[in-house]
Amino acid sequence: MSTLSAIVAVVKDPALLRSISFALNTHGQAVEQFNDWTMATEAICQAECVILDTCLPPADLTAGLSLASRGIKLVVLAEDDRDYGRGNRQDICVLSKPLNGHDIANAVSALRRNP
């Protein structure tokens, strides 16, 4: 079951989802994995940090980006150069694909350290 400190990954591509989970697990961070927004909603309500893939359907991506306004930290996996609401916010980290395990682990660790 989810805990308040959970990391939730909502990523459409199963291989990328497994890779992200593996990378974070090797850095000592547990991840709840979902490839569908609807299936992730309960876990997201209890998450401290959500990893959000921009390849999700537009309505799901919009809902995911709105999580930052509720105090949930976001790592956004982007395939383009859009800002995705980051601006000067310290609770949103946008990573460009392709990425490596250290990228995602460092982003999650940095976000979790920010108040």
Protein backbone atom coordinates (compact mmCIF):
# COMPACT_ATOMS: atom_id res chain seq x y z
CA MET A 1 0.00 0.00 0.00
CA SER A 2 1.10 3.58 -0.61
CA THR A 3 2.82 5.71 1.99
CA LEU A 4 3.11 9.49 2.17
CA SER A 5 6.70 9.30 0.93
CA ALA A 6 5.86 7.15 -2.09
CA ILE A 7 7.17 7.86 -5.54
CA VAL A 8 4.56 7.15 -8.17
CA ALA A 9 5.56 6.75 -11.83
CA VAL A 10 2.87 7.11 -14.51
CA VAL A 11 4.60 6.21 -17.76
CA LYS A 12 2.93 4.88 -20.90
CA ASP A 13 5.87 2.84 -22.24
CA PRO A 14 6.30 -0.38 -20.18
CA ALA A 15 10.03 -0.65 -20.93
CA LEU A 16 10.67 2.93 -19.83
CA LEU A 17 8.56 2.37 -16.72
CA ARG A 18 10.60 -0.71 -15.78
CA SER A 19 13.85 1.16 -16.41
CA ILE A 20 12.82 4.09 -14.22
CA SER A 21 11.73 1.78 -11.44
CA PHE A 22 14.96 -0.22 -11.67
CA ALA A 23 17.10 2.93 -11.60
CA LEU A 24 15.31 4.33 -8.57
CA ASN A 25 15.32 0.99 -6.77
CA THR A 26 19.11 0.73 -7.22
CA HIS A 27 19.34 4.16 -5.57
CA GLY A 28 17.28 2.95 -2.62
CA GLN A 29 13.96 4.52 -3.62
CA ALA A 30 10.76 2.51 -3.92
CA VAL A 31 8.42 3.26 -6.82
CA GLU A 32 4.80 2.42 -7.48
CA GLN A 33 4.46 1.81 -11.23
CA PHE A 34 1.47 2.61 -13.44
CA ASN A 35 1.06 2.95 -17.20
CA ASP A 36 -2.45 4.37 -16.88
CA TRP A 37 -3.57 7.54 -15.10
CA THR A 38 -6.86 6.06 -13.89
CA MET A 39 -5.15 3.13 -12.21
CA ALA A 40 -2.68 5.50 -10.50
CA THR A 41 -5.14 7.97 -8.95
CA GLU A 42 -5.36 6.33 -5.53
CA ALA A 43 -1.58 6.05 -5.19
CA ILE A 44 -1.10 9.61 -6.46
CA CYS A 45 -3.29 10.95 -3.65
CA GLN A 46 -0.69 9.67 -1.18
CA ALA A 47 2.45 10.43 -3.20
CA GLU A 48 5.16 12.88 -2.33
CA CYS A 49 6.61 12.76 -5.86
CA VAL A 50 5.08 11.78 -9.20
CA ILE A 51 7.02 10.93 -12.34
CA LEU A 52 4.84 11.93 -15.27
CA ASP A 53 5.38 10.98 -18.92
CA THR A 54 4.33 13.58 -21.49
CA CYS A 55 3.28 10.73 -23.81
CA LEU A 56 0.15 10.22 -21.70
CA PRO A 57 -3.17 11.34 -23.22
CA PRO A 58 -3.60 15.16 -23.05
CA ALA A 59 -6.30 15.09 -20.33
CA ASP A 60 -4.12 12.85 -18.16
CA LEU A 61 -1.08 15.06 -18.70
CA THR A 62 -3.09 18.17 -17.74
CA ALA A 63 -4.37 16.45 -14.59
CA GLY A 64 -0.84 15.35 -13.76
CA LEU A 65 0.66 18.80 -14.17
CA SER A 66 -2.01 20.23 -11.86
CA LEU A 67 -0.63 18.09 -9.02
CA ALA A 68 2.09 20.67 -8.37
CA SER A 69 -0.54 23.14 -7.20
CA ARG A 70 -1.51 20.56 -4.53
CA GLY A 71 2.03 20.30 -3.19
CA ILE A 72 3.04 17.13 -5.03
CA LYS A 73 6.50 17.28 -6.57
CA LEU A 74 6.76 16.35 -10.25
CA VAL A 75 9.40 14.90 -12.51
CA VAL A 76 8.16 15.43 -16.06
CA LEU A 77 9.65 13.23 -18.80
CA ALA A 78 9.53 15.36 -21.93
CA GLU A 79 10.15 14.67 -25.58
CA ASP A 80 10.16 18.34 -26.55
CA ASP A 81 11.43 21.68 -25.24
CA ARG A 82 8.20 22.91 -23.60
CA ASP A 83 8.42 24.23 -20.06
CA TYR A 84 5.47 22.17 -18.71
CA GLY A 85 4.70 24.75 -16.05
CA ARG A 86 8.10 24.64 -14.44
CA GLY A 87 8.99 28.33 -14.73
CA ASN A 88 10.80 29.22 -11.53
CA ARG A 89 9.11 26.47 -9.51
CA GLN A 90 11.37 24.21 -7.49
CA ASP A 91 8.76 21.45 -7.20
CA ILE A 92 8.80 20.55 -10.91
CA CYS A 93 11.79 19.04 -12.72
CA VAL A 94 11.60 18.54 -16.48
CA LEU A 95 13.90 15.89 -17.94
CA SER A 96 14.38 15.45 -21.66
CA LYS A 97 14.22 11.96 -23.11
CA PRO A 98 16.25 9.90 -23.63
CA LEU A 99 17.52 9.85 -20.09
CA ASN A 100 19.63 7.59 -17.95
CA GLY A 101 19.16 6.13 -14.51
CA HIS A 102 21.28 8.77 -12.82
CA ASP A 103 19.14 11.55 -14.39
CA ILE A 104 15.93 10.29 -12.86
CA ALA A 105 17.46 9.35 -9.51
CA ASN A 106 19.15 12.75 -9.16
CA ALA A 107 15.95 14.60 -10.11
CA VAL A 108 13.83 12.71 -7.57
CA SER A 109 16.44 13.15 -4.84
CA ALA A 110 16.72 16.88 -5.50
CA LEU A 111 12.96 17.34 -5.42
CA ARG A 112 12.60 15.38 -2.20
CA ARG A 113 15.22 17.60 -0.54
CA ASN A 114 13.37 20.80 -1.52
CA PRO A 115 10.81 21.96 1.04
